[in-house]
Amino acid sequence: MSDFNSLIAISQNCQTPVFALTKEQIKQEGKHYRKVLKDTLQASSNFRDAFSNLADRIINLTSNNV
């Protein structure tokens, strides 16, 4: 899995799930903030997808054993 450390820290500070962070909560600044914000939002989407896929796999594995 990719490194989501900065998103997790922002998520904890905002008390918001990583996949639900808004642009305002991410607050990227600096010379290239638009690219950084775009990359961070993409990482948030990747985080959501990775954990959704993982949850689906767990559900499938555990439901077949019943």
PDB file of N, CA and C in Angstrom:
ATOM      1  N   MET A   1       0.832  -1.176   0.000  1.00  0.00           N
ATOM      2  CA  MET A   1       0.000   0.000   0.000  1.00  0.00           C
ATOM      3  C   MET A   1       0.876   1.240   0.000  1.00  0.00           C
ATOM      4  N   SER A   2       0.391   2.263  -0.625  1.00  0.00           N
ATOM      5  CA  SER A   2       1.146   3.517  -0.682  1.00  0.00           C
ATOM      6  C   SER A   2       1.272   4.144   0.702  1.00  0.00           C
ATOM      7  N   ASP A   3       2.137   5.104   0.802  1.00  0.00           N
ATOM      8  CA  ASP A   3       2.370   5.817   2.051  1.00  0.00           C
ATOM      9  C   ASP A   3       1.361   6.954   2.179  1.00  0.00           C
ATOM     10  N   PHE A   4       0.452   6.847   3.121  1.00  0.00           N
ATOM     11  CA  PHE A   4      -0.590   7.850   3.311  1.00  0.00           C
ATOM     12  C   PHE A   4      -0.381   8.637   4.607  1.00  0.00           C
ATOM     13  N   ASN A   5       0.856   8.686   5.104  1.00  0.00           N
ATOM     14  CA  ASN A   5       1.116   9.294   6.406  1.00  0.00           C
ATOM     15  C   ASN A   5       0.607  10.717   6.522  1.00  0.00           C
ATOM     16  N   SER A   6       0.852  11.563   5.525  1.00  0.00           N
ATOM     17  CA  SER A   6       0.415  12.958   5.643  1.00  0.00           C
ATOM     18  C   SER A   6      -1.102  13.044   5.648  1.00  0.00           C
ATOM     19  N   LEU A   7      -1.767  12.223   4.852  1.00  0.00           N
ATOM     20  CA  LEU A   7      -3.230  12.232   4.855  1.00  0.00           C
ATOM     21  C   LEU A   7      -3.793  11.735   6.183  1.00  0.00           C
ATOM     22  N   ILE A   8      -3.158  10.731   6.750  1.00  0.00           N
ATOM     23  CA  ILE A   8      -3.629  10.215   8.037  1.00  0.00           C
ATOM     24  C   ILE A   8      -3.485  11.272   9.119  1.00  0.00           C
ATOM     25  N   ALA A   9      -2.384  12.011   9.116  1.00  0.00           N
ATOM     26  CA  ALA A   9      -2.189  13.077  10.108  1.00  0.00           C
ATOM     27  C   ALA A   9      -3.256  14.164   9.949  1.00  0.00           C
ATOM     28  N   ILE A  10      -3.535  14.572   8.722  1.00  0.00           N
ATOM     29  CA  ILE A  10      -4.573  15.582   8.476  1.00  0.00           C
ATOM     30  C   ILE A  10      -5.927  15.033   8.914  1.00  0.00           C
ATOM     31  N   SER A  11      -6.193  13.787   8.585  1.00  0.00           N
ATOM     32  CA  SER A  11      -7.445  13.135   8.944  1.00  0.00           C
ATOM     33  C   SER A  11      -7.644  13.136  10.458  1.00  0.00           C
ATOM     34  N   GLN A  12      -6.614  12.792  11.190  1.00  0.00           N
ATOM     35  CA  GLN A  12      -6.708  12.769  12.646  1.00  0.00           C
ATOM     36  C   GLN A  12      -6.932  14.170  13.210  1.00  0.00           C
ATOM     37  N   ASN A  13      -6.227  15.153  12.683  1.00  0.00           N
ATOM     38  CA  ASN A  13      -6.397  16.525  13.155  1.00  0.00           C
ATOM     39  C   ASN A  13      -7.800  17.048  12.891  1.00  0.00           C
ATOM     40  N   CYS A  14      -8.373  16.663  11.757  1.00  0.00           N
ATOM     41  CA  CYS A  14      -9.710  17.134  11.371  1.00  0.00           C
ATOM     42  C   CYS A  14     -10.820  16.225  11.890  1.00  0.00           C
ATOM     43  N   GLN A  15     -10.441  15.093  12.472  1.00  0.00           N
ATOM     44  CA  GLN A  15     -11.405  14.087  12.924  1.00  0.00           C
ATOM     45  C   GLN A  15     -12.368  13.728  11.794  1.00  0.00           C
ATOM     46  N   THR A  16     -11.781  13.477  10.624  1.00  0.00           N
ATOM     47  CA  THR A  16     -12.519  13.157   9.408  1.00  0.00           C
ATOM     48  C   THR A  16     -11.837  11.977   8.728  1.00  0.00           C
ATOM     49  N   PRO A  17     -12.611  11.035   8.193  1.00  0.00           N
ATOM     50  CA  PRO A  17     -11.973   9.938   7.455  1.00  0.00           C
ATOM     51  C   PRO A  17     -11.135  10.480   6.295  1.00  0.00           C
ATOM     52  N   VAL A  18     -10.051   9.797   5.992  1.00  0.00           N
ATOM     53  CA  VAL A  18      -9.145  10.240   4.924  1.00  0.00           C
ATOM     54  C   VAL A  18      -9.906  10.468   3.628  1.00  0.00           C
ATOM     55  N   PHE A  19     -10.797   9.534   3.282  1.00  0.00           N
ATOM     56  CA  PHE A  19     -11.510   9.631   2.010  1.00  0.00           C
ATOM     57  C   PHE A  19     -12.558  10.737   1.980  1.00  0.00           C
ATOM     58  N   ALA A  20     -12.833  11.368   3.118  1.00  0.00           N
ATOM     59  CA  ALA A  20     -13.836  12.435   3.174  1.00  0.00           C
ATOM     60  C   ALA A  20     -13.220  13.821   3.358  1.00  0.00           C
ATOM     61  N   LEU A  21     -11.901  13.922   3.354  1.00  0.00           N
ATOM     62  CA  LEU A  21     -11.242  15.229   3.526  1.00  0.00           C
ATOM     63  C   LEU A  21     -11.586  16.161   2.366  1.00  0.00           C
ATOM     64  N   THR A  22     -11.807  17.413   2.698  1.00  0.00           N
ATOM     65  CA  THR A  22     -12.109  18.420   1.685  1.00  0.00           C
ATOM     66  C   THR A  22     -10.843  19.211   1.358  1.00  0.00           C
ATOM     67  N   LYS A  23     -10.905  19.999   0.294  1.00  0.00           N
ATOM     68  CA  LYS A  23      -9.778  20.870  -0.070  1.00  0.00           C
ATOM     69  C   LYS A  23      -9.434  21.808   1.077  1.00  0.00           C
ATOM     70  N   GLU A  24     -10.469  22.309   1.731  1.00  0.00           N
ATOM     71  CA  GLU A  24     -10.253  23.253   2.833  1.00  0.00           C
ATOM     72  C   GLU A  24      -9.530  22.589   4.002  1.00  0.00           C
ATOM     73  N   GLN A  25      -9.857  21.318   4.270  1.00  0.00           N
ATOM     74  CA  GLN A  25      -9.205  20.609   5.358  1.00  0.00           C
ATOM     75  C   GLN A  25      -7.763  20.250   5.014  1.00  0.00           C
ATOM     76  N   ILE A  26      -7.509  19.957   3.771  1.00  0.00           N
ATOM     77  CA  ILE A  26      -6.156  19.579   3.356  1.00  0.00           C
ATOM     78  C   ILE A  26      -5.227  20.783   3.406  1.00  0.00           C
ATOM     79  N   LYS A  27      -5.730  21.954   3.049  1.00  0.00           N
ATOM     80  CA  LYS A  27      -4.990  23.227   3.175  1.00  0.00           C
ATOM     81  C   LYS A  27      -3.580  23.184   2.600  1.00  0.00           C
ATOM     82  N   GLN A  28      -3.435  22.771   1.385  1.00  0.00           N
ATOM     83  CA  GLN A  28      -2.121  22.785   0.752  1.00  0.00           C
ATOM     84  C   GLN A  28      -1.789  24.215   0.345  1.00  0.00           C
ATOM     85  N   GLU A  29      -0.569  24.621   0.623  1.00  0.00           N
ATOM     86  CA  GLU A  29      -0.132  25.977   0.310  1.00  0.00           C
ATOM     87  C   GLU A  29       1.244  25.923  -0.338  1.00  0.00           C
ATOM     88  N   GLY A  30       1.700  27.068  -0.765  1.00  0.00           N
ATOM     89  CA  GLY A  30       3.029  27.163  -1.336  1.00  0.00           C
ATOM     90  C   GLY A  30       2.989  27.448  -2.822  1.00  0.00           C
ATOM     91  N   LYS A  31       4.178  27.488  -3.411  1.00  0.00           N
ATOM     92  CA  LYS A  31       4.339  27.872  -4.809  1.00  0.00           C
ATOM     93  C   LYS A  31       3.572  26.953  -5.751  1.00  0.00           C
ATOM     94  N   HIS A  32       3.582  25.672  -5.487  1.00  0.00           N
ATOM     95  CA  HIS A  32       2.943  24.700  -6.377  1.00  0.00           C
ATOM     96  C   HIS A  32       1.743  24.052  -5.697  1.00  0.00           C
ATOM     97  N   TYR A  33       0.982  24.847  -4.930  1.00  0.00           N
ATOM     98  CA  TYR A  33      -0.080  24.271  -4.119  1.00  0.00           C
ATOM     99  C   TYR A  33      -1.152  23.583  -4.949  1.00  0.00           C
ATOM    100  N   ARG A  34      -1.424  24.056  -6.165  1.00  0.00           N
ATOM    101  CA  ARG A  34      -2.471  23.408  -6.977  1.00  0.00           C
ATOM    102  C   ARG A  34      -2.084  21.982  -7.338  1.00  0.00           C
ATOM    103  N   LYS A  35      -0.833  21.784  -7.729  1.00  0.00           N
ATOM    104  CA  LYS A  35      -0.380  20.434  -8.058  1.00  0.00           C
ATOM    105  C   LYS A  35      -0.335  19.572  -6.805  1.00  0.00           C
ATOM    106  N   VAL A  36       0.145  20.134  -5.716  1.00  0.00           N
ATOM    107  CA  VAL A  36       0.212  19.383  -4.467  1.00  0.00           C
ATOM    108  C   VAL A  36      -1.198  19.008  -4.020  1.00  0.00           C
ATOM    109  N   LEU A  37      -2.130  19.944  -4.119  1.00  0.00           N
ATOM    110  CA  LEU A  37      -3.514  19.667  -3.738  1.00  0.00           C
ATOM    111  C   LEU A  37      -4.099  18.574  -4.629  1.00  0.00           C
ATOM    112  N   LYS A  38      -3.877  18.684  -5.928  1.00  0.00           N
ATOM    113  CA  LYS A  38      -4.368  17.671  -6.866  1.00  0.00           C
ATOM    114  C   LYS A  38      -3.797  16.300  -6.512  1.00  0.00           C
ATOM    115  N   ASP A  39      -2.499  16.237  -6.253  1.00  0.00           N
ATOM    116  CA  ASP A  39      -1.857  14.973  -5.897  1.00  0.00           C
ATOM    117  C   ASP A  39      -2.397  14.429  -4.579  1.00  0.00           C
ATOM    118  N   THR A  40      -2.623  15.311  -3.619  1.00  0.00           N
ATOM    119  CA  THR A  40      -3.137  14.892  -2.319  1.00  0.00           C
ATOM    120  C   THR A  40      -4.560  14.375  -2.441  1.00  0.00           C
ATOM    121  N   LEU A  41      -5.393  15.056  -3.231  1.00  0.00           N
ATOM    122  CA  LEU A  41      -6.756  14.581  -3.450  1.00  0.00           C
ATOM    123  C   LEU A  41      -6.751  13.234  -4.174  1.00  0.00           C
ATOM    124  N   GLN A  42      -5.824  13.043  -5.095  1.00  0.00           N
ATOM    125  CA  GLN A  42      -5.703  11.753  -5.781  1.00  0.00           C
ATOM    126  C   GLN A  42      -5.285  10.672  -4.792  1.00  0.00           C
ATOM    127  N   ALA A  43      -4.367  10.993  -3.910  1.00  0.00           N
ATOM    128  CA  ALA A  43      -3.945  10.032  -2.888  1.00  0.00           C
ATOM    129  C   ALA A  43      -5.110   9.670  -1.978  1.00  0.00           C
ATOM    130  N   SER A  44      -5.950  10.645  -1.648  1.00  0.00           N
ATOM    131  CA  SER A  44      -7.139  10.382  -0.836  1.00  0.00           C
ATOM    132  C   SER A  44      -8.077   9.416  -1.549  1.00  0.00           C
ATOM    133  N   SER A  45      -8.263   9.626  -2.840  1.00  0.00           N
ATOM    134  CA  SER A  45      -9.101   8.727  -3.639  1.00  0.00           C
ATOM    135  C   SER A  45      -8.486   7.329  -3.693  1.00  0.00           C
ATOM    136  N   ASN A  46      -7.174   7.251  -3.864  1.00  0.00           N
ATOM    137  CA  ASN A  46      -6.483   5.966  -3.884  1.00  0.00           C
ATOM    138  C   ASN A  46      -6.639   5.239  -2.548  1.00  0.00           C
ATOM    139  N   PHE A  47      -6.584   6.008  -1.459  1.00  0.00           N
ATOM    140  CA  PHE A  47      -6.770   5.462  -0.119  1.00  0.00           C
ATOM    141  C   PHE A  47      -8.150   4.833  -0.004  1.00  0.00           C
ATOM    142  N   ARG A  48      -9.167   5.554  -0.433  1.00  0.00           N
ATOM    143  CA  ARG A  48     -10.547   5.058  -0.388  1.00  0.00           C
ATOM    144  C   ARG A  48     -10.673   3.775  -1.202  1.00  0.00           C
ATOM    145  N   ASP A  49     -10.113   3.770  -2.401  1.00  0.00           N
ATOM    146  CA  ASP A  49     -10.198   2.597  -3.267  1.00  0.00           C
ATOM    147  C   ASP A  49      -9.479   1.390  -2.658  1.00  0.00           C
ATOM    148  N   ALA A  50      -8.296   1.608  -2.119  1.00  0.00           N
ATOM    149  CA  ALA A  50      -7.519   0.513  -1.534  1.00  0.00           C
ATOM    150  C   ALA A  50      -8.254  -0.114  -0.361  1.00  0.00           C
ATOM    151  N   PHE A  51      -8.795   0.705   0.508  1.00  0.00           N
ATOM    152  CA  PHE A  51      -9.483   0.169   1.670  1.00  0.00           C
ATOM    153  C   PHE A  51     -10.835  -0.422   1.309  1.00  0.00           C
ATOM    154  N   SER A  52     -11.487   0.105   0.310  1.00  0.00           N
ATOM    155  CA  SER A  52     -12.734  -0.472  -0.164  1.00  0.00           C
ATOM    156  C   SER A  52     -12.488  -1.865  -0.740  1.00  0.00           C
ATOM    157  N   ASN A  53     -11.435  -1.989  -1.547  1.00  0.00           N
ATOM    158  CA  ASN A  53     -11.074  -3.298  -2.104  1.00  0.00           C
ATOM    159  C   ASN A  53     -10.715  -4.285  -1.005  1.00  0.00           C
ATOM    160  N   LEU A  54      -9.980  -3.832  -0.018  1.00  0.00           N
ATOM    161  CA  LEU A  54      -9.609  -4.691   1.097  1.00  0.00           C
ATOM    162  C   LEU A  54     -10.857  -5.140   1.858  1.00  0.00           C
ATOM    163  N   ALA A  55     -11.768  -4.223   2.130  1.00  0.00           N
ATOM    164  CA  ALA A  55     -13.004  -4.569   2.834  1.00  0.00           C
ATOM    165  C   ALA A  55     -13.817  -5.589   2.032  1.00  0.00           C
ATOM    166  N   ASP A  56     -13.896  -5.396   0.712  1.00  0.00           N
ATOM    167  CA  ASP A  56     -14.623  -6.344  -0.137  1.00  0.00           C
ATOM    168  C   ASP A  56     -14.003  -7.736  -0.067  1.00  0.00           C
ATOM    169  N   ARG A  57     -12.694  -7.802  -0.063  1.00  0.00           N
ATOM    170  CA  ARG A  57     -12.019  -9.100   0.024  1.00  0.00           C
ATOM    171  C   ARG A  57     -12.308  -9.786   1.352  1.00  0.00           C
ATOM    172  N   ILE A  58     -12.270  -9.016   2.412  1.00  0.00           N
ATOM    173  CA  ILE A  58     -12.545  -9.589   3.748  1.00  0.00           C
ATOM    174  C   ILE A  58     -13.985 -10.101   3.807  1.00  0.00           C
ATOM    175  N   ILE A  59     -14.911  -9.320   3.286  1.00  0.00           N
ATOM    176  CA  ILE A  59     -16.314  -9.735   3.270  1.00  0.00           C
ATOM    177  C   ILE A  59     -16.467 -11.027   2.477  1.00  0.00           C
ATOM    178  N   ASN A  60     -15.851 -11.078   1.303  1.00  0.00           N
ATOM    179  CA  ASN A  60     -15.944 -12.270   0.468  1.00  0.00           C
ATOM    180  C   ASN A  60     -15.329 -13.493   1.146  1.00  0.00           C
ATOM    181  N   LEU A  61     -14.196 -13.315   1.781  1.00  0.00           N
ATOM    182  CA  LEU A  61     -13.533 -14.440   2.462  1.00  0.00           C
ATOM    183  C   LEU A  61     -14.356 -14.943   3.644  1.00  0.00           C
ATOM    184  N   THR A  62     -14.917 -14.031   4.395  1.00  0.00           N
ATOM    185  CA  THR A  62     -15.647 -14.446   5.605  1.00  0.00           C
ATOM    186  C   THR A  62     -17.053 -14.931   5.285  1.00  0.00           C
ATOM    187  N   SER A  63     -17.663 -14.442   4.227  1.00  0.00           N
ATOM    188  CA  SER A  63     -19.023 -14.873   3.914  1.00  0.00           C
ATOM    189  C   SER A  63     -19.032 -16.256   3.264  1.00  0.00           C
ATOM    190  N   ASN A  64     -17.944 -16.674   2.639  1.00  0.00           N
ATOM    191  CA  ASN A  64     -17.868 -17.994   2.015  1.00  0.00           C
ATOM    192  C   ASN A  64     -17.680 -19.107   3.049  1.00  0.00           C
ATOM    193  N   ASN A  65     -17.236 -18.733   4.216  1.00  0.00           N
ATOM    194  CA  ASN A  65     -16.983 -19.725   5.256  1.00  0.00           C
ATOM    195  C   ASN A  65     -18.210 -20.006   6.118  1.00  0.00           C
ATOM    196  N   VAL A  66     -19.282 -19.330   5.878  1.00  0.00           N
ATOM    197  CA  VAL A  66     -20.487 -19.513   6.710  1.00  0.00           C
ATOM    198  C   VAL A  66     -21.352 -20.604   6.159  1.00  0.00           C
TER     199      VAL A  66
END
